[in-house]
N, C-alpha and C. Protein backbone atom coordinates (compact mmCIF):
# COMPACT_ATOMS: atom_id res chain seq x y z
N MET A 1 0.84 -1.19 0.00
CA MET A 1 0.00 0.00 0.00
C MET A 1 0.88 1.25 0.00
N VAL A 2 0.53 2.23 -0.85
CA VAL A 2 1.28 3.47 -0.95
C VAL A 2 0.31 4.63 -0.77
N ILE A 3 0.68 5.61 0.05
CA ILE A 3 -0.12 6.82 0.24
C ILE A 3 0.54 7.94 -0.55
N THR A 4 -0.24 8.56 -1.49
CA THR A 4 0.33 9.64 -2.30
C THR A 4 -0.30 10.99 -2.02
N ALA A 5 -1.43 11.02 -1.33
CA ALA A 5 -2.06 12.29 -0.99
C ALA A 5 -2.68 12.17 0.39
N ARG A 6 -2.38 13.15 1.23
CA ARG A 6 -2.96 13.12 2.57
C ARG A 6 -3.24 14.54 3.01
N ARG A 7 -4.50 14.80 3.34
CA ARG A 7 -4.92 16.08 3.87
C ARG A 7 -5.81 15.82 5.07
N ALA A 8 -6.20 16.88 5.75
CA ALA A 8 -7.02 16.70 6.95
C ALA A 8 -8.35 16.03 6.63
N ASP A 9 -8.86 16.24 5.40
CA ASP A 9 -10.18 15.72 5.07
C ASP A 9 -10.15 14.55 4.10
N ARG A 10 -8.95 14.07 3.69
CA ARG A 10 -8.92 12.96 2.74
C ARG A 10 -7.56 12.28 2.70
N VAL A 11 -7.57 11.04 2.24
CA VAL A 11 -6.34 10.30 2.03
C VAL A 11 -6.52 9.44 0.79
N VAL A 12 -5.46 9.28 -0.01
CA VAL A 12 -5.49 8.44 -1.20
C VAL A 12 -4.50 7.31 -1.03
N LEU A 13 -4.97 6.07 -1.17
CA LEU A 13 -4.15 4.88 -1.04
C LEU A 13 -4.05 4.20 -2.41
N HIS A 14 -2.88 3.59 -2.68
CA HIS A 14 -2.68 2.90 -3.95
C HIS A 14 -2.33 1.43 -3.68
N HIS A 15 -2.46 0.63 -4.74
CA HIS A 15 -2.18 -0.81 -4.67
C HIS A 15 -3.13 -1.50 -3.69
N ILE A 16 -4.39 -1.10 -3.75
CA ILE A 16 -5.43 -1.70 -2.93
C ILE A 16 -6.19 -2.70 -3.80
N SER A 17 -6.21 -3.97 -3.41
CA SER A 17 -6.92 -4.98 -4.19
C SER A 17 -8.42 -4.83 -4.02
N TRP A 18 -9.17 -5.46 -4.90
CA TRP A 18 -10.63 -5.42 -4.79
C TRP A 18 -11.08 -6.06 -3.47
N GLU A 19 -10.42 -7.13 -3.08
CA GLU A 19 -10.76 -7.78 -1.82
C GLU A 19 -10.52 -6.85 -0.63
N GLN A 20 -9.43 -6.09 -0.68
CA GLN A 20 -9.16 -5.13 0.39
C GLN A 20 -10.20 -4.03 0.41
N PHE A 21 -10.60 -3.59 -0.78
CA PHE A 21 -11.64 -2.57 -0.90
C PHE A 21 -12.95 -3.05 -0.29
N GLU A 22 -13.35 -4.27 -0.63
CA GLU A 22 -14.58 -4.83 -0.10
C GLU A 22 -14.51 -4.98 1.43
N LYS A 23 -13.35 -5.41 1.90
CA LYS A 23 -13.17 -5.57 3.35
C LYS A 23 -13.24 -4.22 4.07
N LEU A 24 -12.67 -3.20 3.46
CA LEU A 24 -12.71 -1.86 4.04
C LEU A 24 -14.15 -1.37 4.14
N LEU A 25 -14.94 -1.59 3.08
CA LEU A 25 -16.34 -1.19 3.11
C LEU A 25 -17.07 -1.90 4.26
N GLU A 26 -16.77 -3.17 4.42
CA GLU A 26 -17.39 -3.95 5.50
C GLU A 26 -16.99 -3.42 6.87
N ASP A 27 -15.70 -3.10 7.02
CA ASP A 27 -15.22 -2.60 8.31
C ASP A 27 -15.77 -1.21 8.63
N LEU A 28 -15.87 -0.37 7.61
CA LEU A 28 -16.36 0.99 7.83
C LEU A 28 -17.85 1.00 8.15
N GLY A 29 -18.59 0.07 7.54
CA GLY A 29 -20.03 0.00 7.78
C GLY A 29 -20.79 1.11 7.07
N ASP A 30 -22.10 1.10 7.28
CA ASP A 30 -22.97 2.06 6.59
C ASP A 30 -23.06 3.39 7.32
N ARG A 31 -22.90 3.37 8.64
CA ARG A 31 -23.07 4.60 9.42
C ARG A 31 -21.72 5.28 9.61
N ARG A 32 -21.36 6.04 8.61
CA ARG A 32 -20.06 6.72 8.63
C ARG A 32 -20.16 8.01 7.85
N ALA A 33 -19.28 8.95 8.19
CA ALA A 33 -19.25 10.22 7.47
C ALA A 33 -18.35 10.14 6.24
N ALA A 34 -17.36 9.25 6.28
CA ALA A 34 -16.39 9.17 5.19
C ALA A 34 -17.04 8.71 3.90
N ARG A 35 -16.57 9.23 2.77
CA ARG A 35 -17.03 8.86 1.44
C ARG A 35 -15.87 8.24 0.69
N ILE A 36 -16.12 7.23 -0.14
CA ILE A 36 -15.02 6.54 -0.81
C ILE A 36 -15.18 6.57 -2.33
N ALA A 37 -14.04 6.42 -3.00
CA ALA A 37 -14.01 6.23 -4.46
C ALA A 37 -12.86 5.27 -4.76
N TYR A 38 -13.12 4.30 -5.64
CA TYR A 38 -12.12 3.27 -5.95
C TYR A 38 -11.95 3.18 -7.45
N ASP A 39 -10.70 3.26 -7.90
CA ASP A 39 -10.40 3.22 -9.33
C ASP A 39 -9.20 2.32 -9.58
N ASN A 40 -9.49 1.06 -9.90
CA ASN A 40 -8.45 0.13 -10.36
C ASN A 40 -7.23 0.11 -9.43
N GLY A 41 -7.46 -0.02 -8.14
CA GLY A 41 -6.36 -0.12 -7.18
C GLY A 41 -6.07 1.12 -6.38
N SER A 42 -6.62 2.26 -6.81
CA SER A 42 -6.44 3.51 -6.06
C SER A 42 -7.72 3.80 -5.29
N LEU A 43 -7.57 4.19 -4.03
CA LEU A 43 -8.73 4.40 -3.16
C LEU A 43 -8.60 5.74 -2.46
N GLU A 44 -9.65 6.56 -2.58
CA GLU A 44 -9.71 7.82 -1.83
C GLU A 44 -10.78 7.70 -0.75
N ILE A 45 -10.40 8.09 0.45
CA ILE A 45 -11.34 8.17 1.57
C ILE A 45 -11.43 9.64 1.96
N MET A 46 -12.63 10.19 1.88
CA MET A 46 -12.80 11.62 2.11
C MET A 46 -13.86 11.87 3.18
N THR A 47 -13.56 12.78 4.09
CA THR A 47 -14.53 13.22 5.09
C THR A 47 -15.03 14.60 4.68
N PRO A 48 -16.29 14.73 4.26
CA PRO A 48 -16.80 16.00 3.74
C PRO A 48 -16.78 17.11 4.78
N LEU A 49 -16.51 18.32 4.32
CA LEU A 49 -16.50 19.50 5.17
C LEU A 49 -17.89 20.16 5.16
N PRO A 50 -18.18 21.07 6.10
CA PRO A 50 -19.52 21.67 6.18
C PRO A 50 -19.99 22.34 4.89
N GLU A 51 -19.12 23.07 4.20
CA GLU A 51 -19.54 23.73 2.96
C GLU A 51 -19.98 22.71 1.92
N HIS A 52 -19.20 21.62 1.82
CA HIS A 52 -19.55 20.55 0.89
C HIS A 52 -20.92 19.98 1.21
N GLU A 53 -21.17 19.69 2.49
CA GLU A 53 -22.43 19.08 2.89
C GLU A 53 -23.60 20.03 2.69
N TYR A 54 -23.37 21.32 2.90
CA TYR A 54 -24.45 22.29 2.70
C TYR A 54 -24.93 22.26 1.25
N PHE A 55 -23.99 22.37 0.32
CA PHE A 55 -24.38 22.42 -1.09
C PHE A 55 -24.85 21.05 -1.58
N LYS A 56 -24.35 19.99 -1.00
CA LYS A 56 -24.87 18.67 -1.35
C LYS A 56 -26.35 18.59 -1.01
N GLU A 57 -26.70 19.04 0.19
CA GLU A 57 -28.09 18.98 0.61
C GLU A 57 -28.97 19.92 -0.21
N VAL A 58 -28.48 21.13 -0.44
CA VAL A 58 -29.28 22.12 -1.19
C VAL A 58 -29.52 21.65 -2.62
N MET A 59 -28.48 21.17 -3.29
CA MET A 59 -28.63 20.72 -4.67
C MET A 59 -29.49 19.46 -4.76
N SER A 60 -29.31 18.55 -3.83
CA SER A 60 -30.11 17.32 -3.81
C SER A 60 -31.58 17.64 -3.62
N THR A 61 -31.86 18.53 -2.66
CA THR A 61 -33.25 18.92 -2.41
C THR A 61 -33.83 19.65 -3.61
N ALA A 62 -33.00 20.43 -4.29
CA ALA A 62 -33.47 21.14 -5.49
C ALA A 62 -33.94 20.17 -6.56
N VAL A 63 -33.17 19.10 -6.77
CA VAL A 63 -33.57 18.09 -7.77
C VAL A 63 -34.91 17.48 -7.38
N GLN A 64 -35.07 17.15 -6.11
CA GLN A 64 -36.32 16.55 -5.65
C GLN A 64 -37.48 17.54 -5.75
N ASP A 65 -37.24 18.81 -5.42
CA ASP A 65 -38.29 19.82 -5.51
C ASP A 65 -38.72 20.04 -6.96
N ILE A 66 -37.76 20.00 -7.87
CA ILE A 66 -38.09 20.13 -9.30
C ILE A 66 -39.00 18.99 -9.72
N ALA A 67 -38.62 17.78 -9.36
CA ALA A 67 -39.42 16.61 -9.73
C ALA A 67 -40.83 16.70 -9.14
N GLU A 68 -40.92 17.13 -7.89
CA GLU A 68 -42.22 17.25 -7.25
C GLU A 68 -43.06 18.34 -7.93
N ALA A 69 -42.44 19.48 -8.22
CA ALA A 69 -43.17 20.59 -8.83
C ALA A 69 -43.68 20.23 -10.21
N LEU A 70 -42.90 19.44 -10.95
CA LEU A 70 -43.27 19.07 -12.32
C LEU A 70 -43.98 17.72 -12.38
N GLU A 71 -44.21 17.11 -11.22
CA GLU A 71 -44.89 15.82 -11.12
C GLU A 71 -44.18 14.75 -11.97
N ILE A 72 -42.86 14.68 -11.77
CA ILE A 72 -42.03 13.68 -12.45
C ILE A 72 -41.66 12.60 -11.44
N ASP A 73 -41.91 11.35 -11.79
CA ASP A 73 -41.53 10.25 -10.90
C ASP A 73 -40.01 10.11 -10.84
N TYR A 74 -39.49 9.85 -9.65
CA TYR A 74 -38.05 9.70 -9.47
C TYR A 74 -37.79 8.82 -8.26
N GLU A 75 -36.56 8.31 -8.19
CA GLU A 75 -36.05 7.66 -6.99
C GLU A 75 -34.71 8.28 -6.66
N SER A 76 -34.42 8.43 -5.38
CA SER A 76 -33.15 8.97 -4.92
C SER A 76 -32.48 7.94 -4.01
N TYR A 77 -31.20 7.63 -4.31
CA TYR A 77 -30.49 6.63 -3.53
C TYR A 77 -29.27 7.20 -2.81
N GLY A 78 -29.23 8.52 -2.63
CA GLY A 78 -28.20 9.14 -1.82
C GLY A 78 -26.79 8.73 -2.19
N SER A 79 -25.97 8.43 -1.18
CA SER A 79 -24.56 8.07 -1.40
C SER A 79 -24.36 6.57 -1.37
N THR A 80 -25.25 5.85 -2.04
CA THR A 80 -25.10 4.40 -2.20
C THR A 80 -23.72 4.07 -2.76
N THR A 81 -23.11 2.96 -2.31
CA THR A 81 -21.85 2.50 -2.88
C THR A 81 -22.15 1.70 -4.15
N TRP A 82 -21.90 2.30 -5.30
CA TRP A 82 -22.08 1.62 -6.58
C TRP A 82 -20.74 1.03 -7.00
N ARG A 83 -20.74 -0.26 -7.36
CA ARG A 83 -19.46 -0.88 -7.70
C ARG A 83 -19.65 -2.07 -8.64
N LYS A 84 -18.58 -2.31 -9.41
CA LYS A 84 -18.52 -3.47 -10.30
C LYS A 84 -17.11 -4.05 -10.24
N HIS A 85 -17.01 -5.30 -9.79
CA HIS A 85 -15.70 -5.94 -9.69
C HIS A 85 -15.05 -6.04 -11.06
N ILE A 86 -15.82 -6.45 -12.06
CA ILE A 86 -15.25 -6.66 -13.39
C ILE A 86 -14.68 -5.36 -13.97
N LYS A 87 -15.19 -4.23 -13.52
CA LYS A 87 -14.71 -2.92 -13.99
C LYS A 87 -13.68 -2.31 -13.03
N MET A 88 -13.46 -2.95 -11.89
CA MET A 88 -12.55 -2.43 -10.87
C MET A 88 -12.88 -0.97 -10.54
N ALA A 89 -14.17 -0.72 -10.32
CA ALA A 89 -14.63 0.64 -10.09
C ALA A 89 -15.67 0.67 -8.99
N GLY A 90 -15.57 1.66 -8.11
CA GLY A 90 -16.55 1.85 -7.06
C GLY A 90 -16.64 3.33 -6.70
N ILE A 91 -17.85 3.79 -6.39
CA ILE A 91 -18.03 5.22 -6.11
C ILE A 91 -19.21 5.42 -5.19
N GLU A 92 -19.12 6.45 -4.36
CA GLU A 92 -20.24 6.89 -3.54
C GLU A 92 -20.52 8.34 -3.91
N PRO A 93 -21.50 8.60 -4.76
CA PRO A 93 -21.79 9.98 -5.18
C PRO A 93 -22.33 10.80 -4.02
N ASP A 94 -22.36 12.10 -4.21
CA ASP A 94 -22.98 12.93 -3.19
C ASP A 94 -24.49 12.69 -3.16
N ASN A 95 -25.05 12.40 -4.30
CA ASN A 95 -26.42 11.90 -4.39
C ASN A 95 -26.59 11.33 -5.78
N CYS A 96 -27.63 10.53 -5.97
CA CYS A 96 -27.90 9.97 -7.29
C CYS A 96 -29.40 9.73 -7.44
N PHE A 97 -29.85 9.77 -8.68
CA PHE A 97 -31.28 9.74 -8.95
C PHE A 97 -31.59 8.85 -10.15
N TYR A 98 -32.76 8.27 -10.10
CA TYR A 98 -33.32 7.58 -11.25
C TYR A 98 -34.50 8.40 -11.76
N PHE A 99 -34.50 8.69 -13.05
CA PHE A 99 -35.62 9.32 -13.72
C PHE A 99 -36.09 8.43 -14.87
N GLN A 100 -35.23 8.28 -15.89
CA GLN A 100 -35.60 7.46 -17.04
C GLN A 100 -35.86 6.01 -16.65
N HIS A 101 -35.06 5.47 -15.72
CA HIS A 101 -35.20 4.08 -15.31
C HIS A 101 -35.97 3.95 -13.98
N GLU A 102 -36.69 4.98 -13.59
CA GLU A 102 -37.41 4.93 -12.32
C GLU A 102 -38.38 3.76 -12.24
N PRO A 103 -39.13 3.44 -13.29
CA PRO A 103 -40.05 2.30 -13.17
C PRO A 103 -39.34 0.97 -12.86
N ALA A 104 -38.10 0.83 -13.33
CA ALA A 104 -37.38 -0.43 -13.14
C ALA A 104 -36.84 -0.60 -11.73
N VAL A 105 -36.71 0.50 -10.99
CA VAL A 105 -36.11 0.42 -9.65
C VAL A 105 -37.06 0.86 -8.55
N ARG A 106 -38.26 1.21 -8.90
CA ARG A 106 -39.21 1.81 -7.96
C ARG A 106 -39.34 0.98 -6.67
N GLY A 107 -38.98 1.61 -5.55
CA GLY A 107 -39.14 0.97 -4.25
C GLY A 107 -38.17 -0.15 -3.95
N ARG A 108 -37.21 -0.40 -4.82
CA ARG A 108 -36.32 -1.55 -4.60
C ARG A 108 -35.20 -1.23 -3.62
N LEU A 109 -34.82 -2.24 -2.85
CA LEU A 109 -33.76 -2.09 -1.86
C LEU A 109 -32.58 -3.01 -2.14
N ASP A 110 -32.62 -3.71 -3.29
CA ASP A 110 -31.60 -4.74 -3.57
C ASP A 110 -30.83 -4.47 -4.87
N LEU A 111 -30.67 -3.22 -5.24
CA LEU A 111 -30.01 -2.91 -6.50
C LEU A 111 -28.55 -3.36 -6.50
N ASP A 112 -28.12 -3.91 -7.63
CA ASP A 112 -26.76 -4.43 -7.75
C ASP A 112 -26.35 -4.33 -9.21
N LEU A 113 -25.40 -3.45 -9.50
CA LEU A 113 -24.96 -3.26 -10.89
C LEU A 113 -24.38 -4.53 -11.47
N SER A 114 -23.75 -5.34 -10.63
CA SER A 114 -23.15 -6.59 -11.12
C SER A 114 -24.19 -7.62 -11.54
N GLN A 115 -25.43 -7.40 -11.13
CA GLN A 115 -26.50 -8.33 -11.48
C GLN A 115 -27.37 -7.79 -12.60
N GLY A 116 -26.91 -6.75 -13.27
CA GLY A 116 -27.62 -6.23 -14.43
C GLY A 116 -28.59 -5.10 -14.17
N ASP A 117 -28.67 -4.62 -12.92
CA ASP A 117 -29.53 -3.48 -12.65
C ASP A 117 -28.95 -2.22 -13.29
N PRO A 118 -29.80 -1.29 -13.71
CA PRO A 118 -29.28 -0.07 -14.35
C PRO A 118 -28.59 0.84 -13.35
N PRO A 119 -27.54 1.54 -13.76
CA PRO A 119 -26.93 2.53 -12.87
C PRO A 119 -27.86 3.73 -12.74
N PRO A 120 -27.61 4.60 -11.77
CA PRO A 120 -28.43 5.82 -11.67
C PRO A 120 -28.40 6.61 -12.97
N ASP A 121 -29.51 7.26 -13.28
CA ASP A 121 -29.57 8.10 -14.48
C ASP A 121 -28.80 9.40 -14.30
N LEU A 122 -28.69 9.83 -13.06
CA LEU A 122 -28.04 11.11 -12.76
C LEU A 122 -27.29 11.00 -11.45
N ALA A 123 -26.02 11.40 -11.45
CA ALA A 123 -25.22 11.46 -10.23
C ALA A 123 -24.79 12.90 -9.97
N LEU A 124 -24.78 13.27 -8.70
CA LEU A 124 -24.41 14.62 -8.29
C LEU A 124 -23.08 14.58 -7.55
N GLU A 125 -22.16 15.45 -7.98
CA GLU A 125 -20.87 15.59 -7.31
C GLU A 125 -20.66 17.05 -6.93
N ILE A 126 -20.24 17.27 -5.69
CA ILE A 126 -19.96 18.61 -5.18
C ILE A 126 -18.46 18.79 -5.03
N ASP A 127 -17.95 19.96 -5.45
CA ASP A 127 -16.53 20.28 -5.24
C ASP A 127 -15.63 19.25 -5.93
N LEU A 128 -15.99 18.91 -7.17
CA LEU A 128 -15.30 17.82 -7.88
C LEU A 128 -13.82 18.11 -8.12
N THR A 129 -13.48 19.34 -8.47
CA THR A 129 -12.10 19.65 -8.86
C THR A 129 -11.12 19.55 -7.70
N HIS A 130 -11.63 19.56 -6.46
CA HIS A 130 -10.74 19.49 -5.31
C HIS A 130 -10.60 18.08 -4.76
N LYS A 131 -11.24 17.12 -5.39
CA LYS A 131 -11.08 15.73 -4.97
C LYS A 131 -9.84 15.16 -5.62
N SER A 132 -9.08 14.39 -4.87
CA SER A 132 -7.78 13.94 -5.33
C SER A 132 -7.87 12.87 -6.41
N LEU A 133 -8.91 12.04 -6.38
CA LEU A 133 -9.06 10.95 -7.34
C LEU A 133 -10.09 11.34 -8.38
N ASP A 134 -9.72 11.26 -9.65
CA ASP A 134 -10.60 11.63 -10.75
C ASP A 134 -11.83 10.72 -10.78
N ARG A 135 -12.99 11.30 -10.63
CA ARG A 135 -14.23 10.52 -10.60
C ARG A 135 -14.73 10.13 -11.99
N PHE A 136 -14.41 10.87 -13.01
CA PHE A 136 -14.98 10.64 -14.33
C PHE A 136 -14.74 9.22 -14.86
N PRO A 137 -13.51 8.68 -14.81
CA PRO A 137 -13.31 7.31 -15.31
C PRO A 137 -14.11 6.27 -14.52
N ILE A 138 -14.30 6.51 -13.23
CA ILE A 138 -15.06 5.58 -12.40
C ILE A 138 -16.51 5.56 -12.85
N TYR A 139 -17.11 6.74 -12.95
CA TYR A 139 -18.50 6.83 -13.39
C TYR A 139 -18.67 6.27 -14.80
N ALA A 140 -17.68 6.50 -15.65
CA ALA A 140 -17.78 6.01 -17.03
C ALA A 140 -17.82 4.49 -17.07
N ARG A 141 -16.99 3.83 -16.27
CA ARG A 141 -16.97 2.37 -16.26
C ARG A 141 -18.23 1.79 -15.63
N LEU A 142 -18.86 2.58 -14.77
CA LEU A 142 -20.14 2.15 -14.19
C LEU A 142 -21.32 2.53 -15.09
N GLU A 143 -21.04 3.27 -16.15
CA GLU A 143 -22.01 3.62 -17.20
C GLU A 143 -23.13 4.53 -16.69
N VAL A 144 -22.79 5.45 -15.82
CA VAL A 144 -23.76 6.46 -15.38
C VAL A 144 -23.89 7.50 -16.50
N PRO A 145 -25.07 7.69 -17.07
CA PRO A 145 -25.19 8.50 -18.28
C PRO A 145 -25.04 10.00 -18.09
N GLU A 146 -25.26 10.50 -16.86
CA GLU A 146 -25.23 11.95 -16.67
C GLU A 146 -24.66 12.31 -15.31
N LEU A 147 -23.80 13.34 -15.29
CA LEU A 147 -23.25 13.88 -14.05
C LEU A 147 -23.57 15.36 -13.95
N TRP A 148 -23.91 15.79 -12.75
CA TRP A 148 -23.97 17.21 -12.45
C TRP A 148 -22.85 17.50 -11.47
N CYS A 149 -21.99 18.43 -11.80
CA CYS A 149 -20.84 18.76 -10.97
C CYS A 149 -20.93 20.22 -10.53
N TYR A 150 -21.13 20.42 -9.22
CA TYR A 150 -21.24 21.77 -8.66
C TYR A 150 -19.92 22.13 -8.01
N ASP A 151 -19.39 23.30 -8.37
CA ASP A 151 -18.10 23.72 -7.83
C ASP A 151 -18.01 25.23 -7.88
N GLU A 152 -17.83 25.85 -6.71
CA GLU A 152 -17.60 27.29 -6.59
C GLU A 152 -18.65 28.10 -7.34
N GLY A 153 -19.91 27.78 -7.09
CA GLY A 153 -21.00 28.55 -7.65
C GLY A 153 -21.35 28.26 -9.09
N GLU A 154 -20.78 27.22 -9.66
CA GLU A 154 -21.05 26.86 -11.05
C GLU A 154 -21.48 25.40 -11.13
N LEU A 155 -22.50 25.16 -11.92
CA LEU A 155 -23.01 23.80 -12.11
C LEU A 155 -22.78 23.38 -13.56
N LYS A 156 -22.00 22.31 -13.76
CA LYS A 156 -21.73 21.80 -15.09
C LYS A 156 -22.40 20.46 -15.28
N ILE A 157 -22.90 20.25 -16.49
CA ILE A 157 -23.59 19.02 -16.86
C ILE A 157 -22.70 18.23 -17.81
N TYR A 158 -22.59 16.93 -17.57
CA TYR A 158 -21.79 16.07 -18.44
C TYR A 158 -22.62 14.86 -18.87
N HIS A 159 -22.50 14.52 -20.16
CA HIS A 159 -23.15 13.32 -20.70
C HIS A 159 -22.08 12.30 -21.05
N LEU A 160 -22.37 11.04 -20.82
CA LEU A 160 -21.46 9.97 -21.17
C LEU A 160 -21.60 9.65 -22.66
N GLN A 161 -20.49 9.78 -23.39
CA GLN A 161 -20.47 9.48 -24.82
C GLN A 161 -19.19 8.71 -25.14
N ALA A 162 -19.36 7.50 -25.65
CA ALA A 162 -18.21 6.68 -26.04
C ALA A 162 -17.18 6.57 -24.92
N ASP A 163 -17.65 6.25 -23.73
CA ASP A 163 -16.80 6.00 -22.55
C ASP A 163 -16.15 7.26 -21.99
N LYS A 164 -16.58 8.45 -22.43
CA LYS A 164 -16.03 9.69 -21.90
C LYS A 164 -17.17 10.67 -21.63
N TYR A 165 -16.92 11.59 -20.70
CA TYR A 165 -17.92 12.58 -20.38
C TYR A 165 -17.66 13.87 -21.16
N ILE A 166 -18.73 14.34 -21.81
CA ILE A 166 -18.68 15.55 -22.61
C ILE A 166 -19.59 16.59 -21.96
N GLU A 167 -19.07 17.81 -21.77
CA GLU A 167 -19.89 18.86 -21.17
C GLU A 167 -21.06 19.19 -22.09
N ALA A 168 -22.23 19.40 -21.49
CA ALA A 168 -23.45 19.64 -22.25
C ALA A 168 -24.20 20.84 -21.68
N GLU A 169 -25.10 21.38 -22.49
CA GLU A 169 -25.89 22.54 -22.06
C GLU A 169 -27.18 22.13 -21.36
N THR A 170 -27.73 20.98 -21.72
CA THR A 170 -29.01 20.57 -21.16
C THR A 170 -28.88 19.21 -20.47
N SER A 171 -29.81 18.95 -19.58
CA SER A 171 -29.83 17.70 -18.84
C SER A 171 -30.60 16.63 -19.60
N LEU A 172 -30.13 15.40 -19.53
CA LEU A 172 -30.86 14.28 -20.10
C LEU A 172 -32.08 13.95 -19.24
N ALA A 173 -31.92 14.07 -17.94
CA ALA A 173 -32.99 13.72 -17.01
C ALA A 173 -34.07 14.79 -16.95
N LEU A 174 -33.66 16.05 -17.05
CA LEU A 174 -34.60 17.18 -16.95
C LEU A 174 -34.35 18.15 -18.10
N PRO A 175 -34.60 17.72 -19.34
CA PRO A 175 -34.23 18.52 -20.51
C PRO A 175 -35.01 19.81 -20.67
N MET A 176 -36.13 19.94 -19.98
CA MET A 176 -36.98 21.12 -20.14
C MET A 176 -36.49 22.33 -19.36
N LEU A 177 -35.48 22.15 -18.51
CA LEU A 177 -35.04 23.21 -17.61
C LEU A 177 -33.65 23.73 -17.93
N PRO A 178 -33.41 25.05 -17.78
CA PRO A 178 -32.06 25.61 -17.90
C PRO A 178 -31.30 25.38 -16.59
N ILE A 179 -30.81 24.19 -16.41
CA ILE A 179 -30.22 23.77 -15.14
C ILE A 179 -29.09 24.69 -14.68
N HIS A 180 -28.38 25.30 -15.61
CA HIS A 180 -27.25 26.17 -15.24
C HIS A 180 -27.69 27.36 -14.38
N GLU A 181 -28.98 27.65 -14.37
CA GLU A 181 -29.46 28.79 -13.58
C GLU A 181 -29.60 28.44 -12.09
N LEU A 182 -29.55 27.17 -11.74
CA LEU A 182 -29.78 26.77 -10.35
C LEU A 182 -28.83 27.41 -9.34
N PRO A 183 -27.52 27.44 -9.59
CA PRO A 183 -26.62 28.04 -8.57
C PRO A 183 -26.95 29.48 -8.25
N GLN A 184 -27.26 30.29 -9.26
CA GLN A 184 -27.59 31.69 -9.00
C GLN A 184 -28.91 31.80 -8.24
N LEU A 185 -29.85 30.95 -8.59
CA LEU A 185 -31.13 30.94 -7.88
C LEU A 185 -30.92 30.61 -6.41
N ILE A 186 -30.09 29.63 -6.14
CA ILE A 186 -29.80 29.23 -4.76
C ILE A 186 -29.08 30.34 -4.01
N GLU A 187 -28.09 30.95 -4.66
CA GLU A 187 -27.32 32.01 -4.01
C GLU A 187 -28.20 33.22 -3.70
N THR A 188 -29.13 33.55 -4.58
CA THR A 188 -30.01 34.69 -4.38
C THR A 188 -30.85 34.53 -3.11
N HIS A 189 -31.24 33.31 -2.80
CA HIS A 189 -32.13 33.06 -1.67
C HIS A 189 -31.43 32.42 -0.47
N ARG A 190 -30.11 32.22 -0.56
CA ARG A 190 -29.40 31.49 0.51
C ARG A 190 -29.51 32.19 1.86
N ALA A 191 -29.38 33.51 1.89
CA ALA A 191 -29.44 34.24 3.16
C ALA A 191 -30.83 34.19 3.80
N ALA A 192 -31.85 33.92 2.99
CA ALA A 192 -33.22 33.86 3.50
C ALA A 192 -33.54 32.49 4.10
N GLY A 193 -32.66 31.52 3.89
CA GLY A 193 -32.86 30.22 4.51
C GLY A 193 -33.32 29.14 3.55
N ARG A 194 -33.31 27.92 4.05
CA ARG A 194 -33.59 26.75 3.22
C ARG A 194 -35.02 26.74 2.66
N ARG A 195 -35.99 27.14 3.46
CA ARG A 195 -37.37 27.13 2.99
C ARG A 195 -37.57 28.09 1.83
N SER A 196 -36.91 29.24 1.92
CA SER A 196 -37.00 30.21 0.83
C SER A 196 -36.39 29.66 -0.45
N ILE A 197 -35.26 28.96 -0.32
CA ILE A 197 -34.64 28.35 -1.50
C ILE A 197 -35.58 27.34 -2.13
N ARG A 198 -36.20 26.50 -1.32
CA ARG A 198 -37.07 25.46 -1.85
C ARG A 198 -38.29 26.05 -2.56
N GLN A 199 -38.86 27.09 -1.98
CA GLN A 199 -39.99 27.74 -2.62
C GLN A 199 -39.58 28.34 -3.97
N ALA A 200 -38.40 28.98 -3.99
CA ALA A 200 -37.94 29.61 -5.23
C ALA A 200 -37.67 28.58 -6.31
N VAL A 201 -37.08 27.45 -5.94
CA VAL A 201 -36.79 26.39 -6.91
C VAL A 201 -38.08 25.83 -7.50
N ARG A 202 -39.07 25.59 -6.67
CA ARG A 202 -40.34 25.07 -7.15
C ARG A 202 -41.03 26.04 -8.10
N GLU A 203 -41.03 27.32 -7.75
CA GLU A 203 -41.65 28.32 -8.61
C GLU A 203 -40.90 28.45 -9.93
N TRP A 204 -39.58 28.42 -9.85
CA TRP A 204 -38.75 28.48 -11.07
C TRP A 204 -39.03 27.30 -11.98
N ALA A 205 -39.12 26.11 -11.43
CA ALA A 205 -39.36 24.92 -12.23
C ALA A 205 -40.72 25.00 -12.92
N LYS A 206 -41.72 25.46 -12.23
CA LYS A 206 -43.07 25.54 -12.80
C LYS A 206 -43.13 26.53 -13.96
N ARG A 207 -42.28 27.53 -13.93
CA ARG A 207 -42.28 28.50 -15.04
C ARG A 207 -41.85 27.86 -16.35
N TRP A 208 -41.09 26.77 -16.25
CA TRP A 208 -40.57 26.11 -17.44
C TRP A 208 -41.38 24.88 -17.84
N ALA A 209 -42.41 24.60 -17.08
CA ALA A 209 -43.21 23.39 -17.35
C ALA A 209 -43.98 23.53 -18.66
């Protein structure tokens, strides 16, 4: 095992086998603050900071409020550990959602990508550029079709095309909305509190229905 990056909120380990990765997940358990990402032997363990968690919650709630306002069926699986041994890839997104494949996973508690279940239609990542391990190749091997990456007041959308992520203007999951406007909408109402943000997001979404 080799450590190449170490900060107060994260550590990156190399030469970690899949068996070691699985054992670590078992030892850490489900009730933990740390978030992990595994890419072909490299493992990042990150403990999110308050700013990260604030925007994770705000953006996640915004997606759910949009779906509720527009009466779109969805499922949210939070920071589920998605992994495939054959791809040597594992990730825990800040949040993830099913829209297009919602009927196939509705209410299910036994999802397993290795057993042919579809990956989330949309994954959310906060503060992506400051994470030590590149998430894009991991998500690509897990075949997640769309990523939203929020960083420093900007929200970028990426679509998976030919095993790579390409920046896009519109969302596959919510194509009717100018998603890039969300950060400014959130910032405008942030000082007024969470309820004000939620009301603004719902009203904004309905204008585009």
